[in-house]
Amino acid sequence: MLNSFSRTQLLFGGEGMERLYRSRVAVFGIGGVGGYTVEALARSGIGELDLIDDDRVCLTNINRQIIATRKTVGQFKVDVAEQRVHDINPDAVVHTYKTFYTAETADQFDFTRYDYVVDAIDTVAGKLALVEQAQRAGVPIISSMGAGNKVDPTAFEVADIYETSVCPLARVMRTELRKRGVKRLKVVYSKEPAMTPIDDLSASCKANCVCPPGTARTCTQRRQVPGSNAFVPPVVGLIIAGEVVKDLSGFSGGA
């Protein structure tokens, strides 16, 4: 019988689709990268999703985040993403957490419940805590490295963290993970050197903050507000989703 995921089933088969339906995936960070990951996971038939982010949709998110429109500005990102998931697949189970993930908030999450974890957050401390918690629970995790200040979507690739180069965030992660005894981590990264954002105060959040009222962490708290665009973060998010779907479905690349 034809259904919303029939075209996907032609590639992954009935058993593969059943695995996806029975899988629970946690996505930490529902921004430019994580929002597209959630979108693709929902459209791939993942049966249960945990969405973690304490941020609200901001006017400056509209240039790159799939959940950001004029109508959603000011709403919590996880709430908007949850509605999109249910519009795509009403049968999907969605858990939302308006939480800024750190080592201090890590104990709010039982990683043994997850079949896969997506790291789409942008703090090194949070990423390290996520990786360690997933490792302790024996749950596969994939991490996004730096997507800001880049303009070549074709440069991104999937690799183990210890095989990466050029990317400054990946370099820091390699060093810190090695100290923690973490031997492997699947990441999406790019060797494209990051650009330096133009020093234009008229387009800077530092001088013209438009974060919605009630925003817990505004862009003005950042040392540097990165530049971004409509085509790099989405590609990273979709690559991540593809890895998750292929791993969970047991896809082997052949019929």
C-alpha atoms as a PDB file:
ATOM      1  CA  MET A   1       0.000   0.000   0.000  1.00  0.00           C
ATOM      2  CA  LEU A   2       1.301   3.429  -0.918  1.00  0.00           C
ATOM      3  CA  ASN A   3       2.090   5.769   1.965  1.00  0.00           C
ATOM      4  CA  SER A   4       4.159   8.860   2.771  1.00  0.00           C
ATOM      5  CA  PHE A   5       7.388   6.845   2.779  1.00  0.00           C
ATOM      6  CA  SER A   6       6.823   4.560  -0.207  1.00  0.00           C
ATOM      7  CA  ARG A   7       9.599   6.150  -2.277  1.00  0.00           C
ATOM      8  CA  THR A   8      12.046   5.691   0.599  1.00  0.00           C
ATOM      9  CA  GLN A   9      10.990   2.062   0.956  1.00  0.00           C
ATOM     10  CA  LEU A  10      11.948   1.457  -2.679  1.00  0.00           C
ATOM     11  CA  LEU A  11      15.551   2.073  -1.577  1.00  0.00           C
ATOM     12  CA  PHE A  12      15.708   0.688   1.963  1.00  0.00           C
ATOM     13  CA  GLY A  13      13.083  -2.061   1.773  1.00  0.00           C
ATOM     14  CA  GLY A  14      10.311  -2.951   4.179  1.00  0.00           C
ATOM     15  CA  GLU A  15      12.609  -4.215   6.918  1.00  0.00           C
ATOM     16  CA  GLY A  16      14.715  -1.086   6.717  1.00  0.00           C
ATOM     17  CA  MET A  17      11.650   1.132   7.044  1.00  0.00           C
ATOM     18  CA  GLU A  18      10.490  -0.888  10.040  1.00  0.00           C
ATOM     19  CA  ARG A  19      13.854  -0.284  11.723  1.00  0.00           C
ATOM     20  CA  LEU A  20      13.507   3.453  11.104  1.00  0.00           C
ATOM     21  CA  TYR A  21       9.978   3.466  12.466  1.00  0.00           C
ATOM     22  CA  ARG A  22      11.138   1.749  15.651  1.00  0.00           C
ATOM     23  CA  SER A  23      14.143   4.048  16.143  1.00  0.00           C
ATOM     24  CA  ARG A  24      14.447   6.907  18.589  1.00  0.00           C
ATOM     25  CA  VAL A  25      16.856   9.690  17.658  1.00  0.00           C
ATOM     26  CA  ALA A  26      17.889  12.650  19.816  1.00  0.00           C
ATOM     27  CA  VAL A  27      18.893  15.860  18.050  1.00  0.00           C
ATOM     28  CA  PHE A  28      20.739  18.345  20.220  1.00  0.00           C
ATOM     29  CA  GLY A  29      20.563  21.807  18.674  1.00  0.00           C
ATOM     30  CA  ILE A  30      17.657  22.757  16.390  1.00  0.00           C
ATOM     31  CA  GLY A  31      19.327  25.519  14.401  1.00  0.00           C
ATOM     32  CA  GLY A  32      20.701  25.821  10.887  1.00  0.00           C
ATOM     33  CA  VAL A  33      22.170  22.312  10.945  1.00  0.00           C
ATOM     34  CA  GLY A  34      19.905  20.508  13.397  1.00  0.00           C
ATOM     35  CA  GLY A  35      16.675  21.863  11.944  1.00  0.00           C
ATOM     36  CA  TYR A  36      17.391  20.303   8.563  1.00  0.00           C
ATOM     37  CA  THR A  37      18.479  17.086  10.254  1.00  0.00           C
ATOM     38  CA  VAL A  38      15.124  16.878  12.035  1.00  0.00           C
ATOM     39  CA  GLU A  39      13.287  17.639   8.808  1.00  0.00           C
ATOM     40  CA  ALA A  40      15.036  14.838   6.912  1.00  0.00           C
ATOM     41  CA  LEU A  41      14.659  12.340   9.755  1.00  0.00           C
ATOM     42  CA  ALA A  42      10.927  13.039   9.929  1.00  0.00           C
ATOM     43  CA  ARG A  43      10.600  12.652   6.147  1.00  0.00           C
ATOM     44  CA  SER A  44      12.538   9.374   6.376  1.00  0.00           C
ATOM     45  CA  GLY A  45      10.056   7.786   8.757  1.00  0.00           C
ATOM     46  CA  ILE A  46      11.961   7.915  12.059  1.00  0.00           C
ATOM     47  CA  GLY A  47       9.336   6.977  14.597  1.00  0.00           C
ATOM     48  CA  GLU A  48      10.489   8.883  17.672  1.00  0.00           C
ATOM     49  CA  LEU A  49      12.460  12.107  18.018  1.00  0.00           C
ATOM     50  CA  ASP A  50      13.871  14.018  20.971  1.00  0.00           C
ATOM     51  CA  LEU A  51      14.477  17.705  20.206  1.00  0.00           C
ATOM     52  CA  ILE A  52      16.728  19.653  22.555  1.00  0.00           C
ATOM     53  CA  ASP A  53      17.269  23.428  22.336  1.00  0.00           C
ATOM     54  CA  ASP A  54      16.424  26.338  24.652  1.00  0.00           C
ATOM     55  CA  ASP A  55      16.534  28.994  21.925  1.00  0.00           C
ATOM     56  CA  ARG A  56      13.732  30.956  20.275  1.00  0.00           C
ATOM     57  CA  VAL A  57      13.472  31.701  16.556  1.00  0.00           C
ATOM     58  CA  CYS A  58      15.148  35.031  15.798  1.00  0.00           C
ATOM     59  CA  LEU A  59      14.762  37.337  12.795  1.00  0.00           C
ATOM     60  CA  THR A  60      18.390  36.656  11.856  1.00  0.00           C
ATOM     61  CA  ASN A  61      17.668  32.903  11.668  1.00  0.00           C
ATOM     62  CA  ILE A  62      15.474  33.323   8.591  1.00  0.00           C
ATOM     63  CA  ASN A  63      18.433  33.292   6.190  1.00  0.00           C
ATOM     64  CA  ARG A  64      19.303  29.647   6.949  1.00  0.00           C
ATOM     65  CA  GLN A  65      17.008  27.806   9.372  1.00  0.00           C
ATOM     66  CA  ILE A  66      14.149  25.756   7.950  1.00  0.00           C
ATOM     67  CA  ILE A  67      11.981  26.403  11.007  1.00  0.00           C
ATOM     68  CA  ALA A  68      12.464  30.179  10.801  1.00  0.00           C
ATOM     69  CA  THR A  69       9.821  32.310   9.077  1.00  0.00           C
ATOM     70  CA  ARG A  70       8.229  35.637   9.889  1.00  0.00           C
ATOM     71  CA  LYS A  71       5.390  33.737  11.533  1.00  0.00           C
ATOM     72  CA  THR A  72       7.625  31.693  13.831  1.00  0.00           C
ATOM     73  CA  VAL A  73       9.899  34.486  15.093  1.00  0.00           C
ATOM     74  CA  GLY A  74       9.759  34.508  18.897  1.00  0.00           C
ATOM     75  CA  GLN A  75       8.565  30.902  19.213  1.00  0.00           C
ATOM     76  CA  PHE A  76      10.697  28.198  20.803  1.00  0.00           C
ATOM     77  CA  LYS A  77      12.585  26.306  18.118  1.00  0.00           C
ATOM     78  CA  VAL A  78      11.680  22.908  19.528  1.00  0.00           C
ATOM     79  CA  ASP A  79       7.977  23.797  19.449  1.00  0.00           C
ATOM     80  CA  VAL A  80       8.145  24.889  15.819  1.00  0.00           C
ATOM     81  CA  ALA A  81      10.138  21.795  14.874  1.00  0.00           C
ATOM     82  CA  GLU A  82       7.681  19.539  16.687  1.00  0.00           C
ATOM     83  CA  GLN A  83       4.791  21.012  14.707  1.00  0.00           C
ATOM     84  CA  ARG A  84       6.668  20.485  11.433  1.00  0.00           C
ATOM     85  CA  VAL A  85       7.375  16.855  12.340  1.00  0.00           C
ATOM     86  CA  HIS A  86       3.713  16.216  13.083  1.00  0.00           C
ATOM     87  CA  ASP A  87       2.662  17.944   9.861  1.00  0.00           C
ATOM     88  CA  ILE A  88       4.945  15.530   8.011  1.00  0.00           C
ATOM     89  CA  ASN A  89       4.179  12.401  10.034  1.00  0.00           C
ATOM     90  CA  PRO A  90       1.284  12.604  12.512  1.00  0.00           C
ATOM     91  CA  ASP A  91       2.261   9.202  13.916  1.00  0.00           C
ATOM     92  CA  ALA A  92       5.737  10.312  14.993  1.00  0.00           C
ATOM     93  CA  VAL A  93       6.375  10.623  18.718  1.00  0.00           C
ATOM     94  CA  VAL A  94       8.183  13.862  19.611  1.00  0.00           C
ATOM     95  CA  HIS A  95       9.733  14.844  22.937  1.00  0.00           C
ATOM     96  CA  THR A  96      10.834  18.462  23.342  1.00  0.00           C
ATOM     97  CA  TYR A  97      13.264  19.920  25.857  1.00  0.00           C
ATOM     98  CA  LYS A  98      13.779  23.666  26.253  1.00  0.00           C
ATOM     99  CA  THR A  99      17.237  22.990  27.634  1.00  0.00           C
ATOM    100  CA  PHE A 100      20.703  24.348  26.923  1.00  0.00           C
ATOM    101  CA  TYR A 101      22.777  21.171  26.933  1.00  0.00           C
ATOM    102  CA  THR A 102      25.908  21.333  29.081  1.00  0.00           C
ATOM    103  CA  ALA A 103      27.737  18.984  31.425  1.00  0.00           C
ATOM    104  CA  GLU A 104      25.552  20.465  34.180  1.00  0.00           C
ATOM    105  CA  THR A 105      22.269  19.589  32.425  1.00  0.00           C
ATOM    106  CA  ALA A 106      23.451  16.241  31.021  1.00  0.00           C
ATOM    107  CA  ASP A 107      21.832  14.194  33.770  1.00  0.00           C
ATOM    108  CA  GLN A 108      18.396  15.255  32.488  1.00  0.00           C
ATOM    109  CA  PHE A 109      18.811  12.828  29.597  1.00  0.00           C
ATOM    110  CA  ASP A 110      18.871   9.037  29.642  1.00  0.00           C
ATOM    111  CA  PHE A 111      20.978   8.170  26.617  1.00  0.00           C
ATOM    112  CA  THR A 112      20.199   4.465  26.936  1.00  0.00           C
ATOM    113  CA  ARG A 113      16.776   5.268  25.448  1.00  0.00           C
ATOM    114  CA  TYR A 114      18.263   6.539  22.203  1.00  0.00           C
ATOM    115  CA  ASP A 115      19.235   4.585  19.121  1.00  0.00           C
ATOM    116  CA  TYR A 116      21.252   7.492  17.749  1.00  0.00           C
ATOM    117  CA  VAL A 117      22.395  10.928  18.904  1.00  0.00           C
ATOM    118  CA  VAL A 118      22.979  13.981  16.714  1.00  0.00           C
ATOM    119  CA  ASP A 119      25.268  16.722  17.994  1.00  0.00           C
ATOM    120  CA  ALA A 120      24.344  19.989  16.267  1.00  0.00           C
ATOM    121  CA  ILE A 121      25.251  22.348  19.100  1.00  0.00           C
ATOM    122  CA  ASP A 122      27.937  24.998  18.898  1.00  0.00           C
ATOM    123  CA  THR A 123      29.825  24.899  22.196  1.00  0.00           C
ATOM    124  CA  VAL A 124      32.903  22.738  22.659  1.00  0.00           C
ATOM    125  CA  ALA A 125      32.056  21.924  26.285  1.00  0.00           C
ATOM    126  CA  GLY A 126      28.584  20.760  25.297  1.00  0.00           C
ATOM    127  CA  LYS A 127      29.885  18.678  22.407  1.00  0.00           C
ATOM    128  CA  LEU A 128      32.427  16.955  24.614  1.00  0.00           C
ATOM    129  CA  ALA A 129      29.789  16.188  27.243  1.00  0.00           C
ATOM    130  CA  LEU A 130      27.484  14.778  24.554  1.00  0.00           C
ATOM    131  CA  VAL A 131      30.162  12.516  23.143  1.00  0.00           C
ATOM    132  CA  GLU A 132      31.160  11.222  26.560  1.00  0.00           C
ATOM    133  CA  GLN A 133      27.577  10.559  27.591  1.00  0.00           C
ATOM    134  CA  ALA A 134      26.791   8.752  24.347  1.00  0.00           C
ATOM    135  CA  GLN A 135      29.942   6.682  24.661  1.00  0.00           C
ATOM    136  CA  ARG A 136      29.081   5.629  28.201  1.00  0.00           C
ATOM    137  CA  ALA A 137      25.623   4.562  27.031  1.00  0.00           C
ATOM    138  CA  GLY A 138      27.003   2.743  23.990  1.00  0.00           C
ATOM    139  CA  VAL A 139      24.908   4.862  21.616  1.00  0.00           C
ATOM    140  CA  PRO A 140      26.190   5.934  18.177  1.00  0.00           C
ATOM    141  CA  ILE A 141      26.663   9.685  17.782  1.00  0.00           C
ATOM    142  CA  ILE A 142      27.519  11.972  14.883  1.00  0.00           C
ATOM    143  CA  SER A 143      28.788  15.512  15.372  1.00  0.00           C
ATOM    144  CA  SER A 144      28.696  18.617  13.236  1.00  0.00           C
ATOM    145  CA  MET A 145      31.930  20.552  13.097  1.00  0.00           C
ATOM    146  CA  GLY A 146      32.165  24.202  12.043  1.00  0.00           C
ATOM    147  CA  ALA A 147      29.577  25.321   9.457  1.00  0.00           C
ATOM    148  CA  GLY A 148      29.720  29.061  10.098  1.00  0.00           C
ATOM    149  CA  ASN A 149      31.812  31.458   8.014  1.00  0.00           C
ATOM    150  CA  LYS A 150      31.936  28.971   5.114  1.00  0.00           C
ATOM    151  CA  VAL A 151      30.505  29.188   1.606  1.00  0.00           C
ATOM    152  CA  ASP A 152      31.337  25.891  -0.147  1.00  0.00           C
ATOM    153  CA  PRO A 153      28.675  23.259   0.561  1.00  0.00           C
ATOM    154  CA  THR A 154      30.458  20.741  -1.672  1.00  0.00           C
ATOM    155  CA  ALA A 155      33.495  20.654   0.630  1.00  0.00           C
ATOM    156  CA  PHE A 156      31.824  18.821   3.506  1.00  0.00           C
ATOM    157  CA  GLU A 157      32.611  15.175   4.117  1.00  0.00           C
ATOM    158  CA  VAL A 158      32.063  12.425   6.652  1.00  0.00           C
ATOM    159  CA  ALA A 159      35.130  11.241   8.547  1.00  0.00           C
ATOM    160  CA  ASP A 160      36.397  10.096  11.902  1.00  0.00           C
ATOM    161  CA  ILE A 161      37.449  13.028  14.062  1.00  0.00           C
ATOM    162  CA  TYR A 162      41.065  11.822  14.045  1.00  0.00           C
ATOM    163  CA  GLU A 163      41.150  11.952  10.244  1.00  0.00           C
ATOM    164  CA  THR A 164      40.097  15.605  10.046  1.00  0.00           C
ATOM    165  CA  SER A 165      42.284  18.569   9.203  1.00  0.00           C
ATOM    166  CA  VAL A 166      42.107  22.365   8.710  1.00  0.00           C
ATOM    167  CA  CYS A 167      38.819  22.851  10.655  1.00  0.00           C
ATOM    168  CA  PRO A 168      39.663  24.706  13.920  1.00  0.00           C
ATOM    169  CA  LEU A 169      36.721  23.219  15.813  1.00  0.00           C
ATOM    170  CA  ALA A 170      37.715  19.711  14.768  1.00  0.00           C
ATOM    171  CA  ARG A 171      41.268  20.395  15.929  1.00  0.00           C
ATOM    172  CA  VAL A 172      40.075  21.387  19.406  1.00  0.00           C
ATOM    173  CA  MET A 173      37.730  18.394  19.547  1.00  0.00           C
ATOM    174  CA  ARG A 174      40.531  16.011  18.550  1.00  0.00           C
ATOM    175  CA  THR A 175      42.757  17.309  21.322  1.00  0.00           C
ATOM    176  CA  GLU A 176      40.096  17.189  24.012  1.00  0.00           C
ATOM    177  CA  LEU A 177      38.682  13.803  23.004  1.00  0.00           C
ATOM    178  CA  ARG A 178      42.153  12.292  22.997  1.00  0.00           C
ATOM    179  CA  LYS A 179      42.612  13.517  26.587  1.00  0.00           C
ATOM    180  CA  ARG A 180      39.338  11.810  27.505  1.00  0.00           C
ATOM    181  CA  GLY A 181      40.257   8.524  25.912  1.00  0.00           C
ATOM    182  CA  VAL A 182      37.623   8.731  23.186  1.00  0.00           C
ATOM    183  CA  LYS A 183      39.015   6.704  20.291  1.00  0.00           C
ATOM    184  CA  ARG A 184      36.557   7.534  17.522  1.00  0.00           C
ATOM    185  CA  LEU A 185      33.793   9.933  16.592  1.00  0.00           C
ATOM    186  CA  LYS A 186      31.935  10.247  13.299  1.00  0.00           C
ATOM    187  CA  VAL A 187      31.804  13.891  12.196  1.00  0.00           C
ATOM    188  CA  VAL A 188      30.787  16.057   9.260  1.00  0.00           C
ATOM    189  CA  TYR A 189      33.430  18.671   8.539  1.00  0.00           C
ATOM    190  CA  SER A 190      35.028  20.772   5.812  1.00  0.00           C
ATOM    191  CA  LYS A 191      38.607  21.613   4.923  1.00  0.00           C
ATOM    192  CA  GLU A 192      37.479  24.977   3.585  1.00  0.00           C
ATOM    193  CA  PRO A 193      39.257  27.710   5.574  1.00  0.00           C
ATOM    194  CA  ALA A 194      36.744  29.764   7.510  1.00  0.00           C
ATOM    195  CA  MET A 195      36.203  33.332   6.346  1.00  0.00           C
ATOM    196  CA  THR A 196      36.476  36.302   8.672  1.00  0.00           C
ATOM    197  CA  PRO A 197      33.074  38.018   8.909  1.00  0.00           C
ATOM    198  CA  ILE A 198      32.943  41.543   7.462  1.00  0.00           C
ATOM    199  CA  ASP A 199      33.239  44.197  10.141  1.00  0.00           C
ATOM    200  CA  ASP A 200      29.874  45.832   9.439  1.00  0.00           C
ATOM    201  CA  LEU A 201      28.148  47.145  12.563  1.00  0.00           C
ATOM    202  CA  SER A 202      24.965  47.860  10.596  1.00  0.00           C
ATOM    203  CA  ALA A 203      24.532  44.101  10.084  1.00  0.00           C
ATOM    204  CA  SER A 204      25.949  42.979  13.418  1.00  0.00           C
ATOM    205  CA  CYS A 205      23.943  41.505  16.265  1.00  0.00           C
ATOM    206  CA  LYS A 206      26.505  43.025  18.599  1.00  0.00           C
ATOM    207  CA  ALA A 207      25.203  46.510  17.836  1.00  0.00           C
ATOM    208  CA  ASN A 208      21.622  45.749  16.807  1.00  0.00           C
ATOM    209  CA  CYS A 209      20.360  42.771  18.838  1.00  0.00           C
ATOM    210  CA  VAL A 210      16.932  41.605  17.668  1.00  0.00           C
ATOM    211  CA  CYS A 211      16.629  38.506  19.845  1.00  0.00           C
ATOM    212  CA  PRO A 212      13.005  37.958  20.926  1.00  0.00           C
ATOM    213  CA  PRO A 213      12.039  38.919  24.483  1.00  0.00           C
ATOM    214  CA  GLY A 214      12.723  36.073  26.886  1.00  0.00           C
ATOM    215  CA  THR A 215      15.719  34.737  24.954  1.00  0.00           C
ATOM    216  CA  ALA A 216      18.007  33.115  27.520  1.00  0.00           C
ATOM    217  CA  ARG A 217      21.261  33.515  25.577  1.00  0.00           C
ATOM    218  CA  THR A 218      21.523  36.351  23.065  1.00  0.00           C
ATOM    219  CA  CYS A 219      24.078  36.627  20.268  1.00  0.00           C
ATOM    220  CA  THR A 220      25.647  39.592  22.066  1.00  0.00           C
ATOM    221  CA  GLN A 221      27.102  37.109  24.546  1.00  0.00           C
ATOM    222  CA  ARG A 222      29.279  35.574  21.825  1.00  0.00           C
ATOM    223  CA  ARG A 223      32.856  36.608  21.313  1.00  0.00           C
ATOM    224  CA  GLN A 224      32.204  36.710  17.568  1.00  0.00           C
ATOM    225  CA  VAL A 225      28.920  36.364  15.701  1.00  0.00           C
ATOM    226  CA  PRO A 226      29.618  34.083  12.702  1.00  0.00           C
ATOM    227  CA  GLY A 227      28.436  34.759   9.190  1.00  0.00           C
ATOM    228  CA  SER A 228      26.230  32.133   7.566  1.00  0.00           C
ATOM    229  CA  ASN A 229      24.038  31.509   4.544  1.00  0.00           C
ATOM    230  CA  ALA A 230      21.147  29.502   3.143  1.00  0.00           C
ATOM    231  CA  PHE A 231      23.177  26.688   1.582  1.00  0.00           C
ATOM    232  CA  VAL A 232      25.951  25.499   3.931  1.00  0.00           C
ATOM    233  CA  PRO A 233      24.181  24.601   7.220  1.00  0.00           C
ATOM    234  CA  PRO A 234      21.355  22.759   5.399  1.00  0.00           C
ATOM    235  CA  VAL A 235      23.858  20.567   3.542  1.00  0.00           C
ATOM    236  CA  VAL A 236      25.582  19.659   6.797  1.00  0.00           C
ATOM    237  CA  GLY A 237      22.225  18.813   8.392  1.00  0.00           C
ATOM    238  CA  LEU A 238      21.165  16.658   5.458  1.00  0.00           C
ATOM    239  CA  ILE A 239      24.479  14.798   5.377  1.00  0.00           C
ATOM    240  CA  ILE A 240      24.070  14.025   9.073  1.00  0.00           C
ATOM    241  CA  ALA A 241      20.513  12.815   8.563  1.00  0.00           C
ATOM    242  CA  GLY A 242      21.652  10.609   5.711  1.00  0.00           C
ATOM    243  CA  GLU A 243      24.269   8.945   7.888  1.00  0.00           C
ATOM    244  CA  VAL A 244      21.755   8.348  10.658  1.00  0.00           C
ATOM    245  CA  VAL A 245      19.134   6.893   8.308  1.00  0.00           C
ATOM    246  CA  LYS A 246      21.604   4.610   6.535  1.00  0.00           C
ATOM    247  CA  ASP A 247      23.067   3.346   9.807  1.00  0.00           C
ATOM    248  CA  LEU A 248      19.737   2.707  11.470  1.00  0.00           C
ATOM    249  CA  SER A 249      18.086   1.087   8.446  1.00  0.00           C
ATOM    250  CA  GLY A 250      21.002  -1.263   7.870  1.00  0.00           C
ATOM    251  CA  PHE A 251      21.510   0.150   4.371  1.00  0.00           C
ATOM    252  CA  SER A 252      24.394  -1.567   2.646  1.00  0.00           C
ATOM    253  CA  GLY A 253      24.469   0.383  -0.624  1.00  0.00           C
ATOM    254  CA  GLY A 254      23.161  -2.429  -2.796  1.00  0.00           C
ATOM    255  CA  ALA A 255      19.846  -3.991  -3.702  1.00  0.00           C
END
